[in-house]
């Protein structure tokens, strides 16, 4: 099987050859690459260090949490949304009160 376009691109960008032999099974994990500002990178490194994780592990945890929160909110019914909004308003009020 030929190398994927992503691997071909990575090889062209880095000038390196990537040994790749795909299996018949689809991969469960996917590699993502993102660009962040130097400030965000520093914050991610600090966060990872605090948690005794690599930056990749910390980012994976943050992304999983964000997706889980989105799914939880998307699954709320009308009353659940009203309850969540009321709780958020109460929290904002508490913080503004000092």
PDB file of N, CA and C in Angstrom:
ATOM      1  N   UNK A   1       0.847  -1.184   0.000  1.00  0.00           N
ATOM      2  CA  UNK A   1       0.000   0.000   0.000  1.00  0.00           C
ATOM      3  C   UNK A   1       0.885   1.238   0.000  1.00  0.00           C
ATOM      4  N   UNK A   2       0.482   2.243  -0.744  1.00  0.00           N
ATOM      5  CA  UNK A   2       1.249   3.483  -0.840  1.00  0.00           C
ATOM      6  C   UNK A   2       1.126   4.284   0.446  1.00  0.00           C
ATOM      7  N   UNK A   3       2.094   5.139   0.671  1.00  0.00           N
ATOM      8  CA  UNK A   3       2.061   6.015   1.843  1.00  0.00           C
ATOM      9  C   UNK A   3       0.947   7.036   1.677  1.00  0.00           C
ATOM     10  N   UNK A   4       0.365   7.415   2.797  1.00  0.00           N
ATOM     11  CA  UNK A   4      -0.719   8.404   2.744  1.00  0.00           C
ATOM     12  C   UNK A   4      -0.150   9.761   2.328  1.00  0.00           C
ATOM     13  N   UNK A   5      -1.044  10.634   1.900  1.00  0.00           N
ATOM     14  CA  UNK A   5      -0.621  11.983   1.500  1.00  0.00           C
ATOM     15  C   UNK A   5       0.006  12.721   2.669  1.00  0.00           C
ATOM     16  N   UNK A   6      -0.498  12.484   3.868  1.00  0.00           N
ATOM     17  CA  UNK A   6       0.053  13.152   5.052  1.00  0.00           C
ATOM     18  C   UNK A   6       1.505  12.751   5.286  1.00  0.00           C
ATOM     19  N   UNK A   7       1.794  11.475   5.127  1.00  0.00           N
ATOM     20  CA  UNK A   7       3.175  11.010   5.319  1.00  0.00           C
ATOM     21  C   UNK A   7       4.055  11.527   4.197  1.00  0.00           C
ATOM     22  N   UNK A   8       3.550  11.518   2.989  1.00  0.00           N
ATOM     23  CA  UNK A   8       4.317  12.054   1.867  1.00  0.00           C
ATOM     24  C   UNK A   8       4.627  13.532   2.092  1.00  0.00           C
ATOM     25  N   UNK A   9       3.651  14.293   2.573  1.00  0.00           N
ATOM     26  CA  UNK A   9       3.862  15.712   2.854  1.00  0.00           C
ATOM     27  C   UNK A   9       4.913  15.889   3.933  1.00  0.00           C
ATOM     28  N   UNK A  10       4.800  15.116   5.007  1.00  0.00           N
ATOM     29  CA  UNK A  10       5.751  15.216   6.106  1.00  0.00           C
ATOM     30  C   UNK A  10       7.164  14.892   5.628  1.00  0.00           C
ATOM     31  N   UNK A  11       7.300  13.894   4.798  1.00  0.00           N
ATOM     32  CA  UNK A  11       8.609  13.559   4.248  1.00  0.00           C
ATOM     33  C   UNK A  11       9.160  14.702   3.401  1.00  0.00           C
ATOM     34  N   UNK A  12       8.293  15.333   2.604  1.00  0.00           N
ATOM     35  CA  UNK A  12       8.762  16.430   1.755  1.00  0.00           C
ATOM     36  C   UNK A  12       9.151  17.644   2.591  1.00  0.00           C
ATOM     37  N   UNK A  13       8.449  17.868   3.699  1.00  0.00           N
ATOM     38  CA  UNK A  13       8.747  19.009   4.568  1.00  0.00           C
ATOM     39  C   UNK A  13      10.026  18.801   5.371  1.00  0.00           C
ATOM     40  N   UNK A  14      10.251  17.570   5.819  1.00  0.00           N
ATOM     41  CA  UNK A  14      11.396  17.301   6.698  1.00  0.00           C
ATOM     42  C   UNK A  14      12.620  16.805   5.940  1.00  0.00           C
ATOM     43  N   UNK A  15      12.415  16.328   4.720  1.00  0.00           N
ATOM     44  CA  UNK A  15      13.533  15.762   3.970  1.00  0.00           C
ATOM     45  C   UNK A  15      13.932  14.382   4.465  1.00  0.00           C
ATOM     46  N   UNK A  16      13.125  13.803   5.334  1.00  0.00           N
ATOM     47  CA  UNK A  16      13.410  12.479   5.880  1.00  0.00           C
ATOM     48  C   UNK A  16      12.464  11.462   5.275  1.00  0.00           C
ATOM     49  N   UNK A  17      12.913  10.209   5.292  1.00  0.00           N
ATOM     50  CA  UNK A  17      12.072   9.115   4.841  1.00  0.00           C
ATOM     51  C   UNK A  17      11.473   8.453   6.067  1.00  0.00           C
ATOM     52  N   UNK A  18      10.189   8.263   6.046  1.00  0.00           N
ATOM     53  CA  UNK A  18       9.489   7.655   7.172  1.00  0.00           C
ATOM     54  C   UNK A  18       9.158   6.219   6.795  1.00  0.00           C
ATOM     55  N   UNK A  19       9.688   5.284   7.577  1.00  0.00           N
ATOM     56  CA  UNK A  19       9.346   3.884   7.355  1.00  0.00           C
ATOM     57  C   UNK A  19       7.903   3.684   7.759  1.00  0.00           C
ATOM     58  N   UNK A  20       7.126   3.189   6.847  1.00  0.00           N
ATOM     59  CA  UNK A  20       5.707   3.045   7.114  1.00  0.00           C
ATOM     60  C   UNK A  20       5.185   1.827   6.401  1.00  0.00           C
ATOM     61  N   UNK A  21       4.646   0.919   7.187  1.00  0.00           N
ATOM     62  CA  UNK A  21       3.989  -0.243   6.618  1.00  0.00           C
ATOM     63  C   UNK A  21       2.614  -0.336   7.251  1.00  0.00           C
ATOM     64  N   UNK A  22       1.605   0.052   6.508  1.00  0.00           N
ATOM     65  CA  UNK A  22       0.262   0.041   7.085  1.00  0.00           C
ATOM     66  C   UNK A  22      -0.216  -1.373   7.365  1.00  0.00           C
ATOM     67  N   UNK A  23      -1.022  -1.505   8.392  1.00  0.00           N
ATOM     68  CA  UNK A  23      -1.630  -2.789   8.692  1.00  0.00           C
ATOM     69  C   UNK A  23      -2.993  -2.830   8.033  1.00  0.00           C
ATOM     70  N   UNK A  24      -3.573  -3.974   7.998  1.00  0.00           N
ATOM     71  CA  UNK A  24      -4.893  -4.120   7.406  1.00  0.00           C
ATOM     72  C   UNK A  24      -5.964  -3.451   8.250  1.00  0.00           C
ATOM     73  N   UNK A  25      -5.676  -3.236   9.520  1.00  0.00           N
ATOM     74  CA  UNK A  25      -6.637  -2.613  10.414  1.00  0.00           C
ATOM     75  C   UNK A  25      -6.512  -1.096  10.344  1.00  0.00           C
ATOM     76  N   UNK A  26      -7.615  -0.420  10.557  1.00  0.00           N
ATOM     77  CA  UNK A  26      -7.526   1.040  10.616  1.00  0.00           C
ATOM     78  C   UNK A  26      -6.952   1.428  11.974  1.00  0.00           C
ATOM     79  N   UNK A  27      -6.119   2.426  11.979  1.00  0.00           N
ATOM     80  CA  UNK A  27      -5.485   2.870  13.216  1.00  0.00           C
ATOM     81  C   UNK A  27      -6.520   3.479  14.145  1.00  0.00           C
ATOM     82  N   UNK A  28      -6.383   3.198  15.441  1.00  0.00           N
ATOM     83  CA  UNK A  28      -7.305   3.771  16.407  1.00  0.00           C
ATOM     84  C   UNK A  28      -6.875   5.179  16.793  1.00  0.00           C
ATOM     85  N   UNK A  29      -5.589   5.436  16.773  1.00  0.00           N
ATOM     86  CA  UNK A  29      -5.079   6.751  17.132  1.00  0.00           C
ATOM     87  C   UNK A  29      -4.711   7.511  15.868  1.00  0.00           C
ATOM     88  N   UNK A  30      -4.885   8.811  15.930  1.00  0.00           N
ATOM     89  CA  UNK A  30      -4.496   9.685  14.825  1.00  0.00           C
ATOM     90  C   UNK A  30      -3.542  10.719  15.337  1.00  0.00           C
ATOM     91  N   UNK A  31      -2.585  11.039  14.524  1.00  0.00           N
ATOM     92  CA  UNK A  31      -1.635  12.087  14.874  1.00  0.00           C
ATOM     93  C   UNK A  31      -2.170  13.411  14.348  1.00  0.00           C
ATOM     94  N   UNK A  32      -2.227  14.410  15.224  1.00  0.00           N
ATOM     95  CA  UNK A  32      -2.620  15.749  14.821  1.00  0.00           C
ATOM     96  C   UNK A  32      -1.446  16.678  15.062  1.00  0.00           C
ATOM     97  N   UNK A  33      -1.327  17.661  14.236  1.00  0.00           N
ATOM     98  CA  UNK A  33      -0.265  18.639  14.384  1.00  0.00           C
ATOM     99  C   UNK A  33      -0.898  20.022  14.382  1.00  0.00           C
ATOM    100  N   UNK A  34      -0.542  20.834  15.369  1.00  0.00           N
ATOM    101  CA  UNK A  34      -1.097  22.183  15.446  1.00  0.00           C
ATOM    102  C   UNK A  34       0.028  23.179  15.692  1.00  0.00           C
ATOM    103  N   UNK A  35      -0.187  24.376  15.238  1.00  0.00           N
ATOM    104  CA  UNK A  35       0.756  25.462  15.518  1.00  0.00           C
ATOM    105  C   UNK A  35       0.155  26.318  16.617  1.00  0.00           C
ATOM    106  N   UNK A  36       0.991  26.666  17.591  1.00  0.00           N
ATOM    107  CA  UNK A  36       0.546  27.526  18.680  1.00  0.00           C
ATOM    108  C   UNK A  36       1.576  28.638  18.854  1.00  0.00           C
ATOM    109  N   UNK A  37       1.150  29.712  19.495  1.00  0.00           N
ATOM    110  CA  UNK A  37       2.089  30.803  19.759  1.00  0.00           C
ATOM    111  C   UNK A  37       3.120  30.332  20.786  1.00  0.00           C
ATOM    112  N   UNK A  38       4.212  31.037  20.866  1.00  0.00           N
ATOM    113  CA  UNK A  38       5.240  30.665  21.842  1.00  0.00           C
ATOM    114  C   UNK A  38       4.708  30.807  23.260  1.00  0.00           C
ATOM    115  N   UNK A  39       3.823  31.777  23.467  1.00  0.00           N
ATOM    116  CA  UNK A  39       3.235  31.959  24.791  1.00  0.00           C
ATOM    117  C   UNK A  39       2.367  30.762  25.176  1.00  0.00           C
ATOM    118  N   UNK A  40       1.538  30.313  24.242  1.00  0.00           N
ATOM    119  CA  UNK A  40       0.682  29.163  24.515  1.00  0.00           C
ATOM    120  C   UNK A  40       1.523  27.906  24.713  1.00  0.00           C
ATOM    121  N   UNK A  41       2.564  27.753  23.928  1.00  0.00           N
ATOM    122  CA  UNK A  41       3.460  26.599  24.085  1.00  0.00           C
ATOM    123  C   UNK A  41       4.083  26.596  25.475  1.00  0.00           C
ATOM    124  N   UNK A  42       4.503  27.757  25.943  1.00  0.00           N
ATOM    125  CA  UNK A  42       5.101  27.857  27.281  1.00  0.00           C
ATOM    126  C   UNK A  42       4.083  27.501  28.352  1.00  0.00           C
ATOM    127  N   UNK A  43       2.853  27.980  28.192  1.00  0.00           N
ATOM    128  CA  UNK A  43       1.799  27.655  29.156  1.00  0.00           C
ATOM    129  C   UNK A  43       1.482  26.164  29.149  1.00  0.00           C
ATOM    130  N   UNK A  44       1.447  25.569  27.962  1.00  0.00           N
ATOM    131  CA  UNK A  44       1.201  24.127  27.871  1.00  0.00           C
ATOM    132  C   UNK A  44       2.330  23.333  28.527  1.00  0.00           C
ATOM    133  N   UNK A  45       3.555  23.778  28.323  1.00  0.00           N
ATOM    134  CA  UNK A  45       4.697  23.111  28.959  1.00  0.00           C
ATOM    135  C   UNK A  45       4.617  23.218  30.479  1.00  0.00           C
ATOM    136  N   UNK A  46       4.224  24.389  30.985  1.00  0.00           N
ATOM    137  CA  UNK A  46       4.088  24.567  32.435  1.00  0.00           C
ATOM    138  C   UNK A  46       2.975  23.681  32.981  1.00  0.00           C
ATOM    139  N   UNK A  47       1.849  23.652  32.290  1.00  0.00           N
ATOM    140  CA  UNK A  47       0.733  22.821  32.718  1.00  0.00           C
ATOM    141  C   UNK A  47       1.130  21.346  32.728  1.00  0.00           C
ATOM    142  N   UNK A  48       1.816  20.915  31.675  1.00  0.00           N
ATOM    143  CA  UNK A  48       2.251  19.523  31.592  1.00  0.00           C
ATOM    144  C   UNK A  48       3.212  19.196  32.723  1.00  0.00           C
ATOM    145  N   UNK A  49       4.112  20.107  33.005  1.00  0.00           N
ATOM    146  CA  UNK A  49       5.082  19.899  34.081  1.00  0.00           C
ATOM    147  C   UNK A  49       4.383  19.769  35.428  1.00  0.00           C
ATOM    148  N   UNK A  50       3.394  20.625  35.678  1.00  0.00           N
ATOM    149  CA  UNK A  50       2.632  20.560  36.928  1.00  0.00           C
ATOM    150  C   UNK A  50       1.951  19.208  37.104  1.00  0.00           C
ATOM    151  N   UNK A  51       1.519  18.629  36.006  1.00  0.00           N
ATOM    152  CA  UNK A  51       0.801  17.351  36.049  1.00  0.00           C
ATOM    153  C   UNK A  51       1.730  16.156  35.860  1.00  0.00           C
ATOM    154  N   UNK A  52       3.030  16.437  35.732  1.00  0.00           N
ATOM    155  CA  UNK A  52       4.027  15.388  35.514  1.00  0.00           C
ATOM    156  C   UNK A  52       3.700  14.578  34.256  1.00  0.00           C
ATOM    157  N   UNK A  53       3.362  15.295  33.187  1.00  0.00           N
ATOM    158  CA  UNK A  53       3.021  14.700  31.907  1.00  0.00           C
ATOM    159  C   UNK A  53       3.893  15.305  30.823  1.00  0.00           C
ATOM    160  N   UNK A  54       3.927  14.638  29.687  1.00  0.00           N
ATOM    161  CA  UNK A  54       4.537  15.267  28.520  1.00  0.00           C
ATOM    162  C   UNK A  54       3.539  16.278  27.975  1.00  0.00           C
ATOM    163  N   UNK A  55       4.001  17.183  27.143  1.00  0.00           N
ATOM    164  CA  UNK A  55       3.094  18.166  26.547  1.00  0.00           C
ATOM    165  C   UNK A  55       2.028  17.446  25.724  1.00  0.00           C
ATOM    166  N   UNK A  56       2.422  16.425  24.986  1.00  0.00           N
ATOM    167  CA  UNK A  56       1.452  15.676  24.181  1.00  0.00           C
ATOM    168  C   UNK A  56       0.373  15.045  25.052  1.00  0.00           C
ATOM    169  N   UNK A  57       0.777  14.455  26.179  1.00  0.00           N
ATOM    170  CA  UNK A  57      -0.202  13.843  27.074  1.00  0.00           C
ATOM    171  C   UNK A  57      -1.146  14.898  27.657  1.00  0.00           C
ATOM    172  N   UNK A  58      -0.596  16.039  28.056  1.00  0.00           N
ATOM    173  CA  UNK A  58      -1.422  17.101  28.626  1.00  0.00           C
ATOM    174  C   UNK A  58      -2.416  17.629  27.596  1.00  0.00           C
ATOM    175  N   UNK A  59      -1.950  17.853  26.380  1.00  0.00           N
ATOM    176  CA  UNK A  59      -2.836  18.349  25.318  1.00  0.00           C
ATOM    177  C   UNK A  59      -3.918  17.320  25.020  1.00  0.00           C
ATOM    178  N   UNK A  60      -3.554  16.038  24.994  1.00  0.00           N
ATOM    179  CA  UNK A  60      -4.536  14.981  24.767  1.00  0.00           C
ATOM    180  C   UNK A  60      -5.629  15.020  25.846  1.00  0.00           C
ATOM    181  N   UNK A  61      -5.221  15.191  27.106  1.00  0.00           N
ATOM    182  CA  UNK A  61      -6.191  15.277  28.200  1.00  0.00           C
ATOM    183  C   UNK A  61      -7.088  16.504  28.059  1.00  0.00           C
ATOM    184  N   UNK A  62      -6.495  17.646  27.712  1.00  0.00           N
ATOM    185  CA  UNK A  62      -7.278  18.869  27.542  1.00  0.00           C
ATOM    186  C   UNK A  62      -8.291  18.722  26.411  1.00  0.00           C
ATOM    187  N   UNK A  63      -7.867  18.146  25.306  1.00  0.00           N
ATOM    188  CA  UNK A  63      -8.775  17.958  24.170  1.00  0.00           C
ATOM    189  C   UNK A  63      -9.889  16.979  24.515  1.00  0.00           C
ATOM    190  N   UNK A  64      -9.546  15.897  25.187  1.00  0.00           N
ATOM    191  CA  UNK A  64     -10.564  14.912  25.575  1.00  0.00           C
ATOM    192  C   UNK A  64     -11.586  15.550  26.504  1.00  0.00           C
ATOM    193  N   UNK A  65     -11.129  16.379  27.436  1.00  0.00           N
ATOM    194  CA  UNK A  65     -12.028  17.066  28.360  1.00  0.00           C
ATOM    195  C   UNK A  65     -12.947  18.030  27.612  1.00  0.00           C
ATOM    196  N   UNK A  66     -12.390  18.795  26.687  1.00  0.00           N
ATOM    197  CA  UNK A  66     -13.194  19.760  25.923  1.00  0.00           C
ATOM    198  C   UNK A  66     -14.263  19.045  25.092  1.00  0.00           C
ATOM    199  N   UNK A  67     -13.895  17.941  24.468  1.00  0.00           N
ATOM    200  CA  UNK A  67     -14.855  17.190  23.652  1.00  0.00           C
ATOM    201  C   UNK A  67     -15.934  16.571  24.545  1.00  0.00           C
ATOM    202  N   UNK A  68     -15.533  16.049  25.706  1.00  0.00           N
ATOM    203  CA  UNK A  68     -16.510  15.454  26.625  1.00  0.00           C
ATOM    204  C   UNK A  68     -17.489  16.515  27.131  1.00  0.00           C
ATOM    205  N   UNK A  69     -16.979  17.707  27.436  1.00  0.00           N
ATOM    206  CA  UNK A  69     -17.870  18.782  27.889  1.00  0.00           C
ATOM    207  C   UNK A  69     -18.855  19.182  26.804  1.00  0.00           C
ATOM    208  N   UNK A  70     -18.360  19.273  25.585  1.00  0.00           N
ATOM    209  CA  UNK A  70     -19.233  19.632  24.461  1.00  0.00           C
ATOM    210  C   UNK A  70     -20.320  18.589  24.277  1.00  0.00           C
ATOM    211  N   UNK A  71     -19.943  17.317  24.351  1.00  0.00           N
ATOM    212  CA  UNK A  71     -20.922  16.244  24.195  1.00  0.00           C
ATOM    213  C   UNK A  71     -21.951  16.268  25.324  1.00  0.00           C
ATOM    214  N   UNK A  72     -21.487  16.567  26.536  1.00  0.00           N
ATOM    215  CA  UNK A  72     -22.401  16.619  27.674  1.00  0.00           C
ATOM    216  C   UNK A  72     -23.417  17.736  27.497  1.00  0.00           C
ATOM    217  N   UNK A  73     -22.966  18.892  27.045  1.00  0.00           N
ATOM    218  CA  UNK A  73     -23.872  20.022  26.848  1.00  0.00           C
ATOM    219  C   UNK A  73     -24.800  19.757  25.667  1.00  0.00           C
ATOM    220  N   UNK A  74     -24.267  19.174  24.610  1.00  0.00           N
ATOM    221  CA  UNK A  74     -25.087  18.900  23.429  1.00  0.00           C
ATOM    222  C   UNK A  74     -26.197  17.897  23.746  1.00  0.00           C
ATOM    223  N   UNK A  75     -25.973  17.051  24.746  1.00  0.00           N
ATOM    224  CA  UNK A  75     -26.959  16.044  25.092  1.00  0.00           C
ATOM    225  C   UNK A  75     -28.006  16.502  26.091  1.00  0.00           C
ATOM    226  N   UNK A  76     -27.909  17.743  26.553  1.00  0.00           N
ATOM    227  CA  UNK A  76     -28.867  18.230  27.540  1.00  0.00           C
ATOM    228  C   UNK A  76     -30.224  18.533  26.903  1.00  0.00           C
ATOM    229  N   UNK A  77     -31.264  18.226  27.654  1.00  0.00           N
ATOM    230  CA  UNK A  77     -32.607  18.619  27.209  1.00  0.00           C
ATOM    231  C   UNK A  77     -32.852  20.060  27.641  1.00  0.00           C
ATOM    232  N   UNK A  78     -34.022  20.565  27.364  1.00  0.00           N
ATOM    233  CA  UNK A  78     -34.333  21.966  27.672  1.00  0.00           C
ATOM    234  C   UNK A  78     -34.155  22.267  29.151  1.00  0.00           C
ATOM    235  N   UNK A  79     -34.677  21.415  30.017  1.00  0.00           N
ATOM    236  CA  UNK A  79     -34.567  21.661  31.448  1.00  0.00           C
ATOM    237  C   UNK A  79     -33.112  21.595  31.895  1.00  0.00           C
ATOM    238  N   UNK A  80     -32.348  20.691  31.331  1.00  0.00           N
ATOM    239  CA  UNK A  80     -30.929  20.601  31.651  1.00  0.00           C
ATOM    240  C   UNK A  80     -30.184  21.862  31.267  1.00  0.00           C
ATOM    241  N   UNK A  81     -30.525  22.420  30.095  1.00  0.00           N
ATOM    242  CA  UNK A  81     -29.903  23.673  29.658  1.00  0.00           C
ATOM    243  C   UNK A  81     -30.277  24.828  30.582  1.00  0.00           C
ATOM    244  N   UNK A  82     -31.534  24.881  30.984  1.00  0.00           N
ATOM    245  CA  UNK A  82     -31.982  25.933  31.897  1.00  0.00           C
ATOM    246  C   UNK A  82     -31.237  25.814  33.227  1.00  0.00           C
ATOM    247  N   UNK A  83     -31.118  24.597  33.740  1.00  0.00           N
ATOM    248  CA  UNK A  83     -30.407  24.379  35.004  1.00  0.00           C
ATOM    249  C   UNK A  83     -28.940  24.782  34.896  1.00  0.00           C
ATOM    250  N   UNK A  84     -28.328  24.432  33.769  1.00  0.00           N
ATOM    251  CA  UNK A  84     -26.922  24.786  33.572  1.00  0.00           C
ATOM    252  C   UNK A  84     -26.751  26.302  33.490  1.00  0.00           C
ATOM    253  N   UNK A  85     -27.639  26.967  32.776  1.00  0.00           N
ATOM    254  CA  UNK A  85     -27.578  28.420  32.662  1.00  0.00           C
ATOM    255  C   UNK A  85     -27.758  29.073  34.035  1.00  0.00           C
ATOM    256  N   UNK A  86     -28.691  28.565  34.813  1.00  0.00           N
ATOM    257  CA  UNK A  86     -28.917  29.114  36.155  1.00  0.00           C
ATOM    258  C   UNK A  86     -27.663  28.936  37.016  1.00  0.00           C
ATOM    259  N   UNK A  87     -27.024  27.791  36.921  1.00  0.00           N
ATOM    260  CA  UNK A  87     -25.810  27.555  37.699  1.00  0.00           C
ATOM    261  C   UNK A  87     -24.694  28.487  37.239  1.00  0.00           C
ATOM    262  N   UNK A  88     -24.580  28.696  35.923  1.00  0.00           N
ATOM    263  CA  UNK A  88     -23.551  29.607  35.403  1.00  0.00           C
ATOM    264  C   UNK A  88     -23.803  31.047  35.858  1.00  0.00           C
ATOM    265  N   UNK A  89     -25.052  31.486  35.828  1.00  0.00           N
ATOM    266  CA  UNK A  89     -25.394  32.834  36.276  1.00  0.00           C
ATOM    267  C   UNK A  89     -25.080  32.981  37.761  1.00  0.00           C
ATOM    268  N   UNK A  90     -25.412  31.973  38.551  1.00  0.00           N
ATOM    269  CA  UNK A  90     -25.121  32.012  39.983  1.00  0.00           C
ATOM    270  C   UNK A  90     -23.614  32.108  40.225  1.00  0.00           C
ATOM    271  N   UNK A  91     -22.827  31.382  39.439  1.00  0.00           N
ATOM    272  CA  UNK A  91     -21.354  31.429  39.591  1.00  0.00           C
ATOM    273  C   UNK A  91     -20.814  32.797  39.211  1.00  0.00           C
ATOM    274  N   UNK A  92     -21.303  33.381  38.132  1.00  0.00           N
ATOM    275  CA  UNK A  92     -20.858  34.717  37.728  1.00  0.00           C
ATOM    276  C   UNK A  92     -21.227  35.734  38.808  1.00  0.00           C
ATOM    277  N   UNK A  93     -22.433  35.632  39.324  1.00  0.00           N
ATOM    278  CA  UNK A  93     -22.879  36.541  40.381  1.00  0.00           C
ATOM    279  C   UNK A  93     -21.976  36.420  41.611  1.00  0.00           C
ATOM    280  N   UNK A  94     -21.647  35.185  41.982  1.00  0.00           N
ATOM    281  CA  UNK A  94     -20.770  34.950  43.136  1.00  0.00           C
ATOM    282  C   UNK A  94     -19.395  35.574  42.920  1.00  0.00           C
ATOM    283  N   UNK A  95     -18.861  35.399  41.725  1.00  0.00           N
ATOM    284  CA  UNK A  95     -17.533  35.958  41.440  1.00  0.00           C
ATOM    285  C   UNK A  95     -17.537  37.482  41.409  1.00  0.00           C
ATOM    286  N   UNK A  96     -18.589  38.057  40.866  1.00  0.00           N
ATOM    287  CA  UNK A  96     -18.674  39.518  40.818  1.00  0.00           C
ATOM    288  C   UNK A  96     -18.845  40.116  42.213  1.00  0.00           C
ATOM    289  N   UNK A  97     -19.496  39.368  43.097  1.00  0.00           N
ATOM    290  CA  UNK A  97     -19.702  39.854  44.467  1.00  0.00           C
ATOM    291  C   UNK A  97     -18.395  39.861  45.252  1.00  0.00           C
ATOM    292  N   UNK A  98     -17.424  39.114  44.771  1.00  0.00           N
ATOM    293  CA  UNK A  98     -16.108  39.206  45.366  1.00  0.00           C
ATOM    294  C   UNK A  98     -15.769  38.127  46.290  1.00  0.00           C
TER     295      UNK A  98
END
